[in-house]
Amino acid sequence: MKTPRKPNFENLRRALLLQGEPPYVPIVEFSVDADVKAAFLGRRVESLRDEVEFWWKAGYDFVPLQAGIRSFIRPGLSAGERPLGTPRQRPGRAAYSIYSPQERTITWAEEGRGVITTLEEFERFPWPDPDRMDLSAFEEVRQYLPPGMKVIAYMGWTFTAVWTLMGMETFCYALYEQPELIRRMYDRIWWIQSRVLLRVLAFDVVGAVTHPDDLAYSDALIVSPRHLRQYVFPWYRWSCTMVRERGLPSIFHSDGRLTSVLDDILDCGFNALHPIEPKAMDIVELKRRIGHRVCLIGNIDLGYTLTRGSPAEVEAEVRERIRTVGPGGGYCVGSSNSITSYVPLDNYNAMREAAFRYGVYPLSG
């Protein structure tokens, strides 16, 4: 398969840091389903070398590597990732992929009772030692990266780790009935993530850090802004400071409508916002309002266009996003969440190829 262009992380960095118009609009995803990768390459992705090959041949300037508490709770973002103990989410079997009629195991967080519901369970829980969590992939990947390509570390999960381990229902009750448990949960997650982040930042292959932490539904936040300001945003602020001191960009990921805390998130120091869910926020309005403060990533609709639309519709949507959001820089093409197993390969390729075709500066419309 023809590689559309050589990796150029400096091009992506320029977009993320709002340093004017780079040579081209970058493409960005942080998760592509294994079935899509296999269809793209013509074989399964089974090793870290394969992982790098996919991201390189698909035209990305980076490869995402997971680290921290998410590796413990929900491993498997990339091939070659070593499991850290027992998965902490509920498994199930379903025919979930358009690429195969076979059922596959999928996992999701407990809605009711999680694995930590009391202080006693908190004390008994086998918490990982952040100084011993396996980061060998960050060293191994060095030998596979082509010139110009970097790693984006995939960390975050401050809010998400707490409620996932507790179960959403238990977490919501505990906000009022067990405030000490809530405080200790956040303190522990903070400690783990802080230690791992400092270790990750020591690897010179790391070019940026992404903080995935879904805070909202499509129409509102999951919890009160007051809770986020007390427990979550202080970690974001510290993390962005550490990343910035290394001269690297910080990217924030959350689905949903973030309007009521958007200024809080930006004040933490994030350089980019992903993925701008179309039914939750208007990316053109965001570009007008905050485009001078933050790079916008994504917004190609996963609800219809990428999953049920035609390649021509995908191309048209990408072209329109580049036309309306791309001028001046500070925009990266990508899906409005991730490339799932129900995104047809033709549509995925249409998104990539439209970005390559229409995303060269100066933009021609």
Foldseek 3Di string as FASTA:
>chain_A
DDALDAAAVVQVQCQLQLVWHGQWFAADFQAADQLLLCVVVVHGQAALLSQQVSCRSLHHNEGEDEDFPCLAAPNDRHHHRDRDDDHQFDWDWDCFFPNDSGIDIDTDFAQAAAQDQDVVSVVVDPDDDLVPTDPCSLVVCVVNHDPNHAYAYEYACLVVVLCRRGHVRSVVVCVPVPVVSVVVSNVSRLVNRVSNLVVSLVRPRHAEYEHEDAQADAEGGPDDPVVCVVRPLVSLLVSLVVQVVSVHAYEYEYDHACVVCPVSNLVSPHSEYDDPAVSRDDVLVCCVVCVVRHAYEEHQEPVDPQQPNALVSLLVVLLVCCVRRVHGRRYHYHHRHHNDSRGDSSNVSSNSVSSSVQTGPPGDD
